[in-house]
C-alpha atoms as a PDB file:
ATOM      1  CA  MET A   1      -6.759  17.997  11.456  1.00  0.00           C
ATOM      2  CA  TYR A   2      -8.709  15.957   9.049  1.00  0.00           C
ATOM      3  CA  LEU A   3     -10.698  19.126   8.071  1.00  0.00           C
ATOM      4  CA  TYR A   4      -7.487  20.940   7.457  1.00  0.00           C
ATOM      5  CA  ILE A   5      -6.153  18.232   5.209  1.00  0.00           C
ATOM      6  CA  PHE A   6      -9.491  18.139   3.306  1.00  0.00           C
ATOM      7  CA  ILE A   7      -9.271  21.947   2.713  1.00  0.00           C
ATOM      8  CA  VAL A   8      -5.608  21.576   1.483  1.00  0.00           C
ATOM      9  CA  GLN A   9      -6.726  18.768  -0.885  1.00  0.00           C
ATOM     10  CA  ASN A  10      -9.364  21.064  -2.348  1.00  0.00           C
ATOM     11  CA  GLN A  11      -6.896  23.810  -2.857  1.00  0.00           C
ATOM     12  CA  PHE A  12      -4.365  21.623  -4.599  1.00  0.00           C
ATOM     13  CA  SER A  13      -4.655  19.022  -7.447  1.00  0.00           C
ATOM     14  CA  THR A  14      -5.285  15.250  -7.015  1.00  0.00           C
ATOM     15  CA  LYS A  15      -1.498  14.692  -6.973  1.00  0.00           C
ATOM     16  CA  SER A  16      -1.286  16.624  -3.810  1.00  0.00           C
ATOM     17  CA  ILE A  17      -3.806  14.328  -2.203  1.00  0.00           C
ATOM     18  CA  PHE A  18      -1.142  11.534  -2.264  1.00  0.00           C
ATOM     19  CA  ASN A  19       1.385  13.933  -0.650  1.00  0.00           C
ATOM     20  CA  MET A  20      -1.180  14.697   2.009  1.00  0.00           C
ATOM     21  CA  VAL A  21      -1.382  10.947   2.809  1.00  0.00           C
ATOM     22  CA  VAL A  22       2.404  10.880   3.303  1.00  0.00           C
ATOM     23  CA  ILE A  23       2.326  14.004   5.427  1.00  0.00           C
ATOM     24  CA  GLN A  24      -0.566  12.591   7.474  1.00  0.00           C
ATOM     25  CA  LYS A  25       1.565   9.574   8.079  1.00  0.00           C
ATOM     26  CA  LEU A  26       4.273  11.741   9.370  1.00  0.00           C
ATOM     27  CA  ILE A  27       1.894  13.613  11.653  1.00  0.00           C
ATOM     28  CA  THR A  28       0.599  10.411  13.074  1.00  0.00           C
ATOM     29  CA  VAL A  29       4.159   9.264  13.826  1.00  0.00           C
ATOM     30  CA  ASN A  30       4.841  12.618  15.597  1.00  0.00           C
ATOM     31  CA  THR A  31       1.577  12.511  17.516  1.00  0.00           C
END
């Protein structure tokens, strides 16, 4: 899961990294 997030961060700008953190929190809650 972390690898996928890392790849997405590379594809998007630095701003998306913050969004990924929020999404990661949602994923953690769902897990």
